[in-house]
Amino acid sequence: MLMRIRIIEDTLPQGVCGYWHDASRTIWLHDKLNSRQRLCTLQHELIHAGHHDPGCGGRYGAKCECRCRRETALALISPVDYGISEEIYGGNAWPMAVELGVTIQVLMDYRQLLHDSGVCVQ
């Protein structure tokens, strides 16, 4: 499916890495993101775009955000790579995130998925 989406990098409010605006089919990314933050934020916002999420306000928005975080973690972290990284770094989140090329938040979301599915994690 072809999704025509405009991506704009600009200064955003503190604490905001990016956001999706469905009406204009635009993703805004903070212009100060490092490469891992940019990758994770862009993937996250593309998932919002794919679902045509209206925003993160209210109960429905919170459900959209939760779904999007799960899907982002699953899209960016391979189970095999996660297992190898966990073995190498003894479960230490920071070097694991760097090795996997994701943010700590995405790594923690992946761990939550493992926990919720009953998979043992360190």
PDB file of N, CA and C in Angstrom:
ATOM      1  N   MET A   1       0.838  -1.170   0.000  1.00  0.00           N
ATOM      2  CA  MET A   1       0.000   0.000   0.000  1.00  0.00           C
ATOM      3  C   MET A   1       0.891   1.244   0.000  1.00  0.00           C
ATOM      4  N   LEU A   2       0.655   2.119  -0.924  1.00  0.00           N
ATOM      5  CA  LEU A   2       1.414   3.359  -1.019  1.00  0.00           C
ATOM      6  C   LEU A   2       0.773   4.417  -0.136  1.00  0.00           C
ATOM      7  N   MET A   3       1.562   4.937   0.800  1.00  0.00           N
ATOM      8  CA  MET A   3       1.072   6.001   1.675  1.00  0.00           C
ATOM      9  C   MET A   3       1.884   7.254   1.363  1.00  0.00           C
ATOM     10  N   ARG A   4       1.264   8.239   0.790  1.00  0.00           N
ATOM     11  CA  ARG A   4       1.955   9.501   0.529  1.00  0.00           C
ATOM     12  C   ARG A   4       1.940  10.327   1.807  1.00  0.00           C
ATOM     13  N   ILE A   5       3.111  10.395   2.415  1.00  0.00           N
ATOM     14  CA  ILE A   5       3.247  11.084   3.696  1.00  0.00           C
ATOM     15  C   ILE A   5       4.388  12.079   3.581  1.00  0.00           C
ATOM     16  N   ARG A   6       4.140  13.263   4.070  1.00  0.00           N
ATOM     17  CA  ARG A   6       5.183  14.288   4.121  1.00  0.00           C
ATOM     18  C   ARG A   6       5.863  14.185   5.481  1.00  0.00           C
ATOM     19  N   ILE A   7       7.194  14.270   5.479  1.00  0.00           N
ATOM     20  CA  ILE A   7       7.964  14.231   6.728  1.00  0.00           C
ATOM     21  C   ILE A   7       8.720  15.538   6.850  1.00  0.00           C
ATOM     22  N   ILE A   8       8.535  16.191   7.993  1.00  0.00           N
ATOM     23  CA  ILE A   8       9.166  17.482   8.253  1.00  0.00           C
ATOM     24  C   ILE A   8       9.994  17.375   9.522  1.00  0.00           C
ATOM     25  N   GLU A   9      11.250  17.811   9.446  1.00  0.00           N
ATOM     26  CA  GLU A   9      12.086  17.913  10.637  1.00  0.00           C
ATOM     27  C   GLU A   9      12.127  19.370  11.051  1.00  0.00           C
ATOM     28  N   ASP A  10      11.815  19.630  12.312  1.00  0.00           N
ATOM     29  CA  ASP A  10      11.735  20.997  12.808  1.00  0.00           C
ATOM     30  C   ASP A  10      11.914  20.962  14.324  1.00  0.00           C
ATOM     31  N   THR A  11      12.098  22.095  14.922  1.00  0.00           N
ATOM     32  CA  THR A  11      12.181  22.188  16.374  1.00  0.00           C
ATOM     33  C   THR A  11      10.788  21.962  16.944  1.00  0.00           C
ATOM     34  N   LEU A  12      10.685  21.022  17.871  1.00  0.00           N
ATOM     35  CA  LEU A  12       9.417  20.711  18.519  1.00  0.00           C
ATOM     36  C   LEU A  12       9.531  21.023  20.004  1.00  0.00           C
ATOM     37  N   PRO A  13       8.396  21.098  20.704  1.00  0.00           N
ATOM     38  CA  PRO A  13       8.441  21.364  22.147  1.00  0.00           C
ATOM     39  C   PRO A  13       9.285  20.327  22.883  1.00  0.00           C
ATOM     40  N   GLN A  14       9.876  20.750  23.986  1.00  0.00           N
ATOM     41  CA  GLN A  14      10.705  19.851  24.790  1.00  0.00           C
ATOM     42  C   GLN A  14       9.907  18.610  25.168  1.00  0.00           C
ATOM     43  N   GLY A  15      10.532  17.445  25.009  1.00  0.00           N
ATOM     44  CA  GLY A  15       9.891  16.188  25.359  1.00  0.00           C
ATOM     45  C   GLY A  15       9.085  15.563  24.226  1.00  0.00           C
ATOM     46  N   VAL A  16       8.952  16.272  23.107  1.00  0.00           N
ATOM     47  CA  VAL A  16       8.217  15.750  21.954  1.00  0.00           C
ATOM     48  C   VAL A  16       9.224  15.369  20.878  1.00  0.00           C
ATOM     49  N   CYS A  17       9.276  14.074  20.564  1.00  0.00           N
ATOM     50  CA  CYS A  17      10.202  13.606  19.523  1.00  0.00           C
ATOM     51  C   CYS A  17       9.573  13.682  18.143  1.00  0.00           C
ATOM     52  N   GLY A  18       8.269  13.517  18.080  1.00  0.00           N
ATOM     53  CA  GLY A  18       7.592  13.566  16.805  1.00  0.00           C
ATOM     54  C   GLY A  18       6.101  13.432  16.989  1.00  0.00           C
ATOM     55  N   TYR A  19       5.362  13.691  15.907  1.00  0.00           N
ATOM     56  CA  TYR A  19       3.928  13.454  15.946  1.00  0.00           C
ATOM     57  C   TYR A  19       3.367  13.325  14.542  1.00  0.00           C
ATOM     58  N   TRP A  20       2.235  12.668  14.460  1.00  0.00           N
ATOM     59  CA  TRP A  20       1.510  12.409  13.226  1.00  0.00           C
ATOM     60  C   TRP A  20       0.271  13.275  13.184  1.00  0.00           C
ATOM     61  N   HIS A  21       0.024  13.915  12.036  1.00  0.00           N
ATOM     62  CA  HIS A  21      -1.187  14.691  11.824  1.00  0.00           C
ATOM     63  C   HIS A  21      -1.917  14.068  10.647  1.00  0.00           C
ATOM     64  N   ASP A  22      -3.003  13.366  10.943  1.00  0.00           N
ATOM     65  CA  ASP A  22      -3.704  12.587   9.929  1.00  0.00           C
ATOM     66  C   ASP A  22      -4.313  13.460   8.832  1.00  0.00           C
ATOM     67  N   ALA A  23      -4.916  14.579   9.189  1.00  0.00           N
ATOM     68  CA  ALA A  23      -5.603  15.421   8.204  1.00  0.00           C
ATOM     69  C   ALA A  23      -4.656  15.914   7.106  1.00  0.00           C
ATOM     70  N   SER A  24      -3.427  16.253   7.475  1.00  0.00           N
ATOM     71  CA  SER A  24      -2.462  16.746   6.478  1.00  0.00           C
ATOM     72  C   SER A  24      -1.514  15.645   6.004  1.00  0.00           C
ATOM     73  N   ARG A  25      -1.652  14.440   6.561  1.00  0.00           N
ATOM     74  CA  ARG A  25      -0.783  13.303   6.229  1.00  0.00           C
ATOM     75  C   ARG A  25       0.692  13.684   6.378  1.00  0.00           C
ATOM     76  N   THR A  26       0.996  14.256   7.545  1.00  0.00           N
ATOM     77  CA  THR A  26       2.341  14.763   7.813  1.00  0.00           C
ATOM     78  C   THR A  26       2.874  14.203   9.118  1.00  0.00           C
ATOM     79  N   ILE A  27       4.145  13.822   9.079  1.00  0.00           N
ATOM     80  CA  ILE A  27       4.879  13.440  10.293  1.00  0.00           C
ATOM     81  C   ILE A  27       5.879  14.547  10.568  1.00  0.00           C
ATOM     82  N   TRP A  28       5.870  15.046  11.794  1.00  0.00           N
ATOM     83  CA  TRP A  28       6.886  15.997  12.241  1.00  0.00           C
ATOM     84  C   TRP A  28       7.861  15.256  13.137  1.00  0.00           C
ATOM     85  N   LEU A  29       9.153  15.435  12.888  1.00  0.00           N
ATOM     86  CA  LEU A  29      10.211  14.879  13.722  1.00  0.00           C
ATOM     87  C   LEU A  29      11.033  16.011  14.290  1.00  0.00           C
ATOM     88  N   HIS A  30      11.417  15.888  15.545  1.00  0.00           N
ATOM     89  CA  HIS A  30      12.283  16.902  16.156  1.00  0.00           C
ATOM     90  C   HIS A  30      13.618  16.898  15.416  1.00  0.00           C
ATOM     91  N   ASP A  31      14.124  18.061  15.118  1.00  0.00           N
ATOM     92  CA  ASP A  31      15.362  18.157  14.335  1.00  0.00           C
ATOM     93  C   ASP A  31      16.629  17.862  15.139  1.00  0.00           C
ATOM     94  N   LYS A  32      16.509  17.596  16.427  1.00  0.00           N
ATOM     95  CA  LYS A  32      17.683  17.309  17.258  1.00  0.00           C
ATOM     96  C   LYS A  32      17.796  15.835  17.647  1.00  0.00           C
ATOM     97  N   LEU A  33      17.051  14.954  17.001  1.00  0.00           N
ATOM     98  CA  LEU A  33      17.097  13.530  17.336  1.00  0.00           C
ATOM     99  C   LEU A  33      18.385  12.894  16.828  1.00  0.00           C
ATOM    100  N   ASN A  34      18.928  11.969  17.625  1.00  0.00           N
ATOM    101  CA  ASN A  34      20.061  11.187  17.120  1.00  0.00           C
ATOM    102  C   ASN A  34      19.521  10.092  16.208  1.00  0.00           C
ATOM    103  N   SER A  35      20.390   9.308  15.617  1.00  0.00           N
ATOM    104  CA  SER A  35      19.947   8.339  14.609  1.00  0.00           C
ATOM    105  C   SER A  35      19.002   7.279  15.186  1.00  0.00           C
ATOM    106  N   ARG A  36      19.274   6.795  16.394  1.00  0.00           N
ATOM    107  CA  ARG A  36      18.388   5.789  16.999  1.00  0.00           C
ATOM    108  C   ARG A  36      17.033   6.399  17.325  1.00  0.00           C
ATOM    109  N   GLN A  37      17.031   7.615  17.874  1.00  0.00           N
ATOM    110  CA  GLN A  37      15.775   8.293  18.181  1.00  0.00           C
ATOM    111  C   GLN A  37      14.972   8.557  16.906  1.00  0.00           C
ATOM    112  N   ARG A  38      15.659   8.986  15.857  1.00  0.00           N
ATOM    113  CA  ARG A  38      14.984   9.282  14.589  1.00  0.00           C
ATOM    114  C   ARG A  38      14.332   8.013  14.034  1.00  0.00           C
ATOM    115  N   LEU A  39      15.081   6.899  14.000  1.00  0.00           N
ATOM    116  CA  LEU A  39      14.540   5.640  13.499  1.00  0.00           C
ATOM    117  C   LEU A  39      13.305   5.215  14.285  1.00  0.00           C
ATOM    118  N   CYS A  40      13.426   5.200  15.593  1.00  0.00           N
ATOM    119  CA  CYS A  40      12.320   4.738  16.441  1.00  0.00           C
ATOM    120  C   CYS A  40      11.115   5.662  16.346  1.00  0.00           C
ATOM    121  N   THR A  41      11.361   6.959  16.329  1.00  0.00           N
ATOM    122  CA  THR A  41      10.254   7.919  16.241  1.00  0.00           C
ATOM    123  C   THR A  41       9.568   7.821  14.886  1.00  0.00           C
ATOM    124  N   LEU A  42      10.345   7.731  13.823  1.00  0.00           N
ATOM    125  CA  LEU A  42       9.749   7.618  12.496  1.00  0.00           C
ATOM    126  C   LEU A  42       8.929   6.337  12.384  1.00  0.00           C
ATOM    127  N   GLN A  43       9.448   5.210  12.856  1.00  0.00           N
ATOM    128  CA  GLN A  43       8.688   3.954  12.823  1.00  0.00           C
ATOM    129  C   GLN A  43       7.387   4.103  13.603  1.00  0.00           C
ATOM    130  N   HIS A  44       7.475   4.689  14.772  1.00  0.00           N
ATOM    131  CA  HIS A  44       6.310   4.899  15.633  1.00  0.00           C
ATOM    132  C   HIS A  44       5.250   5.731  14.907  1.00  0.00           C
ATOM    133  N   GLU A  45       5.678   6.826  14.320  1.00  0.00           N
ATOM    134  CA  GLU A  45       4.726   7.719  13.645  1.00  0.00           C
ATOM    135  C   GLU A  45       4.172   7.089  12.371  1.00  0.00           C
ATOM    136  N   LEU A  46       4.971   6.291  11.673  1.00  0.00           N
ATOM    137  CA  LEU A  46       4.471   5.590  10.489  1.00  0.00           C
ATOM    138  C   LEU A  46       3.390   4.575  10.870  1.00  0.00           C
ATOM    139  N   ILE A  47       3.518   3.975  12.031  1.00  0.00           N
ATOM    140  CA  ILE A  47       2.478   3.055  12.502  1.00  0.00           C
ATOM    141  C   ILE A  47       1.202   3.831  12.786  1.00  0.00           C
ATOM    142  N   HIS A  48       1.327   4.989  13.443  1.00  0.00           N
ATOM    143  CA  HIS A  48       0.141   5.844  13.624  1.00  0.00           C
ATOM    144  C   HIS A  48      -0.487   6.161  12.272  1.00  0.00           C
ATOM    145  N   ALA A  49       0.336   6.507  11.299  1.00  0.00           N
ATOM    146  CA  ALA A  49      -0.165   6.848   9.964  1.00  0.00           C
ATOM    147  C   ALA A  49      -0.896   5.661   9.342  1.00  0.00           C
ATOM    148  N   GLY A  50      -0.322   4.483   9.463  1.00  0.00           N
ATOM    149  CA  GLY A  50      -0.933   3.293   8.886  1.00  0.00           C
ATOM    150  C   GLY A  50      -2.302   2.982   9.465  1.00  0.00           C
ATOM    151  N   HIS A  51      -2.504   3.369  10.711  1.00  0.00           N
ATOM    152  CA  HIS A  51      -3.793   3.148  11.375  1.00  0.00           C
ATOM    153  C   HIS A  51      -4.703   4.372  11.281  1.00  0.00           C
ATOM    154  N   HIS A  52      -4.205   5.452  10.700  1.00  0.00           N
ATOM    155  CA  HIS A  52      -4.950   6.723  10.613  1.00  0.00           C
ATOM    156  C   HIS A  52      -5.383   7.205  12.000  1.00  0.00           C
ATOM    157  N   ASP A  53      -4.470   7.080  12.955  1.00  0.00           N
ATOM    158  CA  ASP A  53      -4.781   7.506  14.321  1.00  0.00           C
ATOM    159  C   ASP A  53      -5.027   9.008  14.362  1.00  0.00           C
ATOM    160  N   PRO A  54      -6.061   9.423  15.093  1.00  0.00           N
ATOM    161  CA  PRO A  54      -6.423  10.835  15.132  1.00  0.00           C
ATOM    162  C   PRO A  54      -5.607  11.681  16.108  1.00  0.00           C
ATOM    163  N   GLY A  55      -4.899  11.068  17.023  1.00  0.00           N
ATOM    164  CA  GLY A  55      -4.150  11.804  18.045  1.00  0.00           C
ATOM    165  C   GLY A  55      -4.112  10.993  19.313  1.00  0.00           C
ATOM    166  N   CYS A  56      -3.380  11.477  20.298  1.00  0.00           N
ATOM    167  CA  CYS A  56      -3.196  10.661  21.508  1.00  0.00           C
ATOM    168  C   CYS A  56      -4.027  11.156  22.683  1.00  0.00           C
ATOM    169  N   GLY A  57      -4.982  12.058  22.445  1.00  0.00           N
ATOM    170  CA  GLY A  57      -5.828  12.533  23.534  1.00  0.00           C
ATOM    171  C   GLY A  57      -6.962  11.568  23.843  1.00  0.00           C
ATOM    172  N   GLY A  58      -7.376  11.542  25.087  1.00  0.00           N
ATOM    173  CA  GLY A  58      -8.518  10.738  25.488  1.00  0.00           C
ATOM    174  C   GLY A  58      -8.213   9.259  25.597  1.00  0.00           C
ATOM    175  N   ARG A  59      -9.252   8.507  25.940  1.00  0.00           N
ATOM    176  CA  ARG A  59      -9.114   7.063  26.148  1.00  0.00           C
ATOM    177  C   ARG A  59      -8.755   6.346  24.848  1.00  0.00           C
ATOM    178  N   TYR A  60      -9.410   6.702  23.735  1.00  0.00           N
ATOM    179  CA  TYR A  60      -9.112   6.067  22.453  1.00  0.00           C
ATOM    180  C   TYR A  60      -7.670   6.362  22.045  1.00  0.00           C
ATOM    181  N   GLY A  61      -7.228   7.597  22.230  1.00  0.00           N
ATOM    182  CA  GLY A  61      -5.856   7.969  21.890  1.00  0.00           C
ATOM    183  C   GLY A  61      -4.837   7.199  22.700  1.00  0.00           C
ATOM    184  N   ALA A  62      -5.138   6.968  23.968  1.00  0.00           N
ATOM    185  CA  ALA A  62      -4.230   6.199  24.826  1.00  0.00           C
ATOM    186  C   ALA A  62      -4.123   4.761  24.329  1.00  0.00           C
ATOM    187  N   LYS A  63      -5.226   4.189  23.866  1.00  0.00           N
ATOM    188  CA  LYS A  63      -5.194   2.833  23.316  1.00  0.00           C
ATOM    189  C   LYS A  63      -4.386   2.800  22.023  1.00  0.00           C
ATOM    190  N   CYS A  64      -4.543   3.832  21.200  1.00  0.00           N
ATOM    191  CA  CYS A  64      -3.757   3.925  19.960  1.00  0.00           C
ATOM    192  C   CYS A  64      -2.270   3.994  20.280  1.00  0.00           C
ATOM    193  N   GLU A  65      -1.922   4.781  21.276  1.00  0.00           N
ATOM    194  CA  GLU A  65      -0.517   4.947  21.648  1.00  0.00           C
ATOM    195  C   GLU A  65       0.066   3.636  22.163  1.00  0.00           C
ATOM    196  N   CYS A  66      -0.680   2.925  22.972  1.00  0.00           N
ATOM    197  CA  CYS A  66      -0.217   1.639  23.503  1.00  0.00           C
ATOM    198  C   CYS A  66       0.005   0.648  22.360  1.00  0.00           C
ATOM    199  N   ARG A  67      -0.953   0.560  21.449  1.00  0.00           N
ATOM    200  CA  ARG A  67      -0.828  -0.332  20.296  1.00  0.00           C
ATOM    201  C   ARG A  67       0.386   0.045  19.455  1.00  0.00           C
ATOM    202  N   CYS A  68       0.564   1.335  19.242  1.00  0.00           N
ATOM    203  CA  CYS A  68       1.667   1.819  18.418  1.00  0.00           C
ATOM    204  C   CYS A  68       3.018   1.493  19.047  1.00  0.00           C
ATOM    205  N   ARG A  69       3.134   1.630  20.351  1.00  0.00           N
ATOM    206  CA  ARG A  69       4.397   1.306  21.026  1.00  0.00           C
ATOM    207  C   ARG A  69       4.710  -0.179  20.915  1.00  0.00           C
ATOM    208  N   ARG A  70       3.708  -1.026  21.051  1.00  0.00           N
ATOM    209  CA  ARG A  70       3.913  -2.474  20.891  1.00  0.00           C
ATOM    210  C   ARG A  70       4.379  -2.790  19.472  1.00  0.00           C
ATOM    211  N   GLU A  71       3.673  -2.238  18.487  1.00  0.00           N
ATOM    212  CA  GLU A  71       4.005  -2.528  17.095  1.00  0.00           C
ATOM    213  C   GLU A  71       5.383  -1.987  16.715  1.00  0.00           C
ATOM    214  N   THR A  72       5.760  -0.846  17.267  1.00  0.00           N
ATOM    215  CA  THR A  72       7.083  -0.283  17.009  1.00  0.00           C
ATOM    216  C   THR A  72       8.162  -1.216  17.538  1.00  0.00           C
ATOM    217  N   ALA A  73       8.007  -1.688  18.760  1.00  0.00           N
ATOM    218  CA  ALA A  73       8.991  -2.602  19.350  1.00  0.00           C
ATOM    219  C   ALA A  73       9.103  -3.885  18.527  1.00  0.00           C
ATOM    220  N   LEU A  74       7.973  -4.422  18.121  1.00  0.00           N
ATOM    221  CA  LEU A  74       7.992  -5.660  17.334  1.00  0.00           C
ATOM    222  C   LEU A  74       8.610  -5.451  15.948  1.00  0.00           C
ATOM    223  N   ALA A  75       8.411  -4.278  15.379  1.00  0.00           N
ATOM    224  CA  ALA A  75       8.961  -3.988  14.050  1.00  0.00           C
ATOM    225  C   ALA A  75      10.469  -3.786  14.082  1.00  0.00           C
ATOM    226  N   LEU A  76      10.985  -3.246  15.179  1.00  0.00           N
ATOM    227  CA  LEU A  76      12.394  -2.850  15.227  1.00  0.00           C
ATOM    228  C   LEU A  76      13.318  -3.838  15.929  1.00  0.00           C
ATOM    229  N   ILE A  77      12.767  -4.774  16.693  1.00  0.00           N
ATOM    230  CA  ILE A  77      13.625  -5.702  17.442  1.00  0.00           C
ATOM    231  C   ILE A  77      13.328  -7.131  17.021  1.00  0.00           C
ATOM    232  N   SER A  78      14.355  -7.800  16.547  1.00  0.00           N
ATOM    233  CA  SER A  78      14.264  -9.206  16.176  1.00  0.00           C
ATOM    234  C   SER A  78      14.406 -10.055  17.443  1.00  0.00           C
ATOM    235  N   PRO A  79      13.574 -11.072  17.610  1.00  0.00           N
ATOM    236  CA  PRO A  79      13.708 -11.940  18.789  1.00  0.00           C
ATOM    237  C   PRO A  79      15.096 -12.578  18.907  1.00  0.00           C
ATOM    238  N   VAL A  80      15.669 -12.981  17.793  1.00  0.00           N
ATOM    239  CA  VAL A  80      17.003 -13.593  17.813  1.00  0.00           C
ATOM    240  C   VAL A  80      18.040 -12.567  18.257  1.00  0.00           C
ATOM    241  N   ASP A  81      18.005 -11.375  17.662  1.00  0.00           N
ATOM    242  CA  ASP A  81      18.959 -10.332  18.038  1.00  0.00           C
ATOM    243  C   ASP A  81      18.789  -9.928  19.498  1.00  0.00           C
ATOM    244  N   TYR A  82      17.539  -9.862  19.961  1.00  0.00           N
ATOM    245  CA  TYR A  82      17.293  -9.527  21.361  1.00  0.00           C
ATOM    246  C   TYR A  82      17.936 -10.576  22.270  1.00  0.00           C
ATOM    247  N   GLY A  83      17.716 -11.847  21.968  1.00  0.00           N
ATOM    248  CA  GLY A  83      18.265 -12.921  22.797  1.00  0.00           C
ATOM    249  C   GLY A  83      19.778 -12.895  22.849  1.00  0.00           C
ATOM    250  N   ILE A  84      20.409 -12.677  21.713  1.00  0.00           N
ATOM    251  CA  ILE A  84      21.871 -12.602  21.666  1.00  0.00           C
ATOM    252  C   ILE A  84      22.358 -11.416  22.483  1.00  0.00           C
ATOM    253  N   SER A  85      21.706 -10.273  22.293  1.00  0.00           N
ATOM    254  CA  SER A  85      22.101  -9.064  23.019  1.00  0.00           C
ATOM    255  C   SER A  85      21.917  -9.232  24.530  1.00  0.00           C
ATOM    256  N   GLU A  86      20.827  -9.858  24.917  1.00  0.00           N
ATOM    257  CA  GLU A  86      20.580 -10.082  26.343  1.00  0.00           C
ATOM    258  C   GLU A  86      21.660 -10.980  26.943  1.00  0.00           C
ATOM    259  N   GLU A  87      22.064 -11.975  26.194  1.00  0.00           N
ATOM    260  CA  GLU A  87      23.113 -12.884  26.653  1.00  0.00           C
ATOM    261  C   GLU A  87      24.451 -12.148  26.785  1.00  0.00           C
ATOM    262  N   ILE A  88      24.790 -11.361  25.788  1.00  0.00           N
ATOM    263  CA  ILE A  88      26.067 -10.646  25.785  1.00  0.00           C
ATOM    264  C   ILE A  88      26.139  -9.616  26.909  1.00  0.00           C
ATOM    265  N   TYR A  89      25.057  -8.848  27.089  1.00  0.00           N
ATOM    266  CA  TYR A  89      25.079  -7.723  28.030  1.00  0.00           C
ATOM    267  C   TYR A  89      24.396  -8.020  29.358  1.00  0.00           C
ATOM    268  N   GLY A  90      24.040  -9.264  29.585  1.00  0.00           N
ATOM    269  CA  GLY A  90      23.468  -9.645  30.874  1.00  0.00           C
ATOM    270  C   GLY A  90      22.189  -8.909  31.225  1.00  0.00           C
ATOM    271  N   GLY A  91      21.439  -8.484  30.218  1.00  0.00           N
ATOM    272  CA  GLY A  91      20.184  -7.784  30.460  1.00  0.00           C
ATOM    273  C   GLY A  91      20.333  -6.298  30.707  1.00  0.00           C
ATOM    274  N   ASN A  92      21.566  -5.763  30.659  1.00  0.00           N
ATOM    275  CA  ASN A  92      21.794  -4.333  30.880  1.00  0.00           C
ATOM    276  C   ASN A  92      21.179  -3.548  29.719  1.00  0.00           C
ATOM    277  N   ALA A  93      20.177  -2.738  30.023  1.00  0.00           N
ATOM    278  CA  ALA A  93      19.351  -2.092  28.996  1.00  0.00           C
ATOM    279  C   ALA A  93      20.128  -1.156  28.069  1.00  0.00           C
ATOM    280  N   TRP A  94      20.983  -0.307  28.607  1.00  0.00           N
ATOM    281  CA  TRP A  94      21.648   0.691  27.765  1.00  0.00           C
ATOM    282  C   TRP A  94      22.480   0.061  26.645  1.00  0.00           C
ATOM    283  N   PRO A  95      23.442  -0.835  26.946  1.00  0.00           N
ATOM    284  CA  PRO A  95      24.209  -1.409  25.836  1.00  0.00           C
ATOM    285  C   PRO A  95      23.349  -2.278  24.914  1.00  0.00           C
ATOM    286  N   MET A  96      22.314  -2.895  25.460  1.00  0.00           N
ATOM    287  CA  MET A  96      21.421  -3.669  24.603  1.00  0.00           C
ATOM    288  C   MET A  96      20.719  -2.773  23.593  1.00  0.00           C
ATOM    289  N   ALA A  97      20.206  -1.631  24.052  1.00  0.00           N
ATOM    290  CA  ALA A  97      19.515  -0.699  23.156  1.00  0.00           C
ATOM    291  C   ALA A  97      20.464  -0.195  22.074  1.00  0.00           C
ATOM    292  N   VAL A  98      21.683   0.142  22.475  1.00  0.00           N
ATOM    293  CA  VAL A  98      22.668   0.614  21.499  1.00  0.00           C
ATOM    294  C   VAL A  98      22.960  -0.484  20.479  1.00  0.00           C
ATOM    295  N   GLU A  99      23.200  -1.688  20.950  1.00  0.00           N
ATOM    296  CA  GLU A  99      23.489  -2.820  20.060  1.00  0.00           C
ATOM    297  C   GLU A  99      22.343  -3.086  19.089  1.00  0.00           C
ATOM    298  N   LEU A 100      21.111  -2.981  19.592  1.00  0.00           N
ATOM    299  CA  LEU A 100      19.935  -3.253  18.764  1.00  0.00           C
ATOM    300  C   LEU A 100      19.530  -2.053  17.903  1.00  0.00           C
ATOM    301  N   GLY A 101      20.145  -0.898  18.143  1.00  0.00           N
ATOM    302  CA  GLY A 101      19.862   0.289  17.342  1.00  0.00           C
ATOM    303  C   GLY A 101      18.537   0.950  17.658  1.00  0.00           C
ATOM    304  N   VAL A 102      18.085   0.791  18.906  1.00  0.00           N
ATOM    305  CA  VAL A 102      16.804   1.367  19.320  1.00  0.00           C
ATOM    306  C   VAL A 102      16.993   2.224  20.570  1.00  0.00           C
ATOM    307  N   THR A 103      15.941   2.918  20.962  1.00  0.00           N
ATOM    308  CA  THR A 103      15.975   3.700  22.192  1.00  0.00           C
ATOM    309  C   THR A 103      15.681   2.786  23.387  1.00  0.00           C
ATOM    310  N   ILE A 104      16.001   3.271  24.559  1.00  0.00           N
ATOM    311  CA  ILE A 104      15.684   2.539  25.794  1.00  0.00           C
ATOM    312  C   ILE A 104      14.176   2.298  25.871  1.00  0.00           C
ATOM    313  N   GLN A 105      13.379   3.293  25.487  1.00  0.00           N
ATOM    314  CA  GLN A 105      11.917   3.150  25.551  1.00  0.00           C
ATOM    315  C   GLN A 105      11.436   1.983  24.687  1.00  0.00           C
ATOM    316  N   VAL A 106      11.947   1.878  23.470  1.00  0.00           N
ATOM    317  CA  VAL A 106      11.540   0.779  22.589  1.00  0.00           C
ATOM    318  C   VAL A 106      11.996  -0.556  23.173  1.00  0.00           C
ATOM    319  N   LEU A 107      13.197  -0.598  23.721  1.00  0.00           N
ATOM    320  CA  LEU A 107      13.673  -1.827  24.358  1.00  0.00           C
ATOM    321  C   LEU A 107      12.768  -2.210  25.529  1.00  0.00           C
ATOM    322  N   MET A 108      12.405  -1.244  26.352  1.00  0.00           N
ATOM    323  CA  MET A 108      11.547  -1.528  27.500  1.00  0.00           C
ATOM    324  C   MET A 108      10.146  -1.962  27.051  1.00  0.00           C
ATOM    325  N   ASP A 109       9.646  -1.376  25.973  1.00  0.00           N
ATOM    326  CA  ASP A 109       8.355  -1.809  25.432  1.00  0.00           C
ATOM    327  C   ASP A 109       8.440  -3.253  24.956  1.00  0.00           C
ATOM    328  N   TYR A 110       9.552  -3.631  24.338  1.00  0.00           N
ATOM    329  CA  TYR A 110       9.752  -5.008  23.887  1.00  0.00           C
ATOM    330  C   TYR A 110       9.797  -5.947  25.092  1.00  0.00           C
ATOM    331  N   ARG A 111      10.511  -5.540  26.117  1.00  0.00           N
ATOM    332  CA  ARG A 111      10.568  -6.363  27.338  1.00  0.00           C
ATOM    333  C   ARG A 111       9.180  -6.539  27.949  1.00  0.00           C
ATOM    334  N   GLN A 112       8.383  -5.484  27.916  1.00  0.00           N
ATOM    335  CA  GLN A 112       7.020  -5.576  28.451  1.00  0.00           C
ATOM    336  C   GLN A 112       6.203  -6.588  27.652  1.00  0.00           C
ATOM    337  N   LEU A 113       6.387  -6.586  26.338  1.00  0.00           N
ATOM    338  CA  LEU A 113       5.706  -7.580  25.503  1.00  0.00           C
ATOM    339  C   LEU A 113       6.116  -9.000  25.882  1.00  0.00           C
ATOM    340  N   LEU A 114       7.421  -9.197  26.099  1.00  0.00           N
ATOM    341  CA  LEU A 114       7.906 -10.517  26.516  1.00  0.00           C
ATOM    342  C   LEU A 114       7.304 -10.911  27.857  1.00  0.00           C
ATOM    343  N   HIS A 115       7.278  -9.963  28.779  1.00  0.00           N
ATOM    344  CA  HIS A 115       6.718 -10.209  30.100  1.00  0.00           C
ATOM    345  C   HIS A 115       5.243 -10.569  29.998  1.00  0.00           C
ATOM    346  N   ASP A 116       4.488  -9.789  29.215  1.00  0.00           N
ATOM    347  CA  ASP A 116       3.062 -10.016  29.069  1.00  0.00           C
ATOM    348  C   ASP A 116       2.743 -11.359  28.412  1.00  0.00           C
ATOM    349  N   SER A 117       3.668 -11.820  27.570  1.00  0.00           N
ATOM    350  CA  SER A 117       3.433 -13.101  26.883  1.00  0.00           C
ATOM    351  C   SER A 117       3.956 -14.283  27.692  1.00  0.00           C
ATOM    352  N   GLY A 118       4.548 -14.012  28.859  1.00  0.00           N
ATOM    353  CA  GLY A 118       5.013 -15.070  29.735  1.00  0.00           C
ATOM    354  C   GLY A 118       6.433 -15.554  29.444  1.00  0.00           C
ATOM    355  N   VAL A 119       7.144 -14.846  28.566  1.00  0.00           N
ATOM    356  CA  VAL A 119       8.530 -15.201  28.261  1.00  0.00           C
ATOM    357  C   VAL A 119       9.402 -14.666  29.388  1.00  0.00           C
ATOM    358  N   CYS A 120      10.309 -15.477  29.866  1.00  0.00           N
ATOM    359  CA  CYS A 120      11.196 -15.079  30.960  1.00  0.00           C
ATOM    360  C   CYS A 120      12.255 -14.094  30.435  1.00  0.00           C
ATOM    361  N   VAL A 121      12.394 -12.948  31.097  1.00  0.00           N
ATOM    362  CA  VAL A 121      13.433 -11.967  30.771  1.00  0.00           C
ATOM    363  C   VAL A 121      14.198 -11.639  32.033  1.00  0.00           C
ATOM    364  N   GLN A 122      15.429 -11.193  31.840  1.00  0.00           N
ATOM    365  CA  GLN A 122      16.272 -10.847  33.006  1.00  0.00           C
ATOM    366  C   GLN A 122      15.826  -9.552  33.614  1.00  0.00           C
TER     367      GLN A 122
END
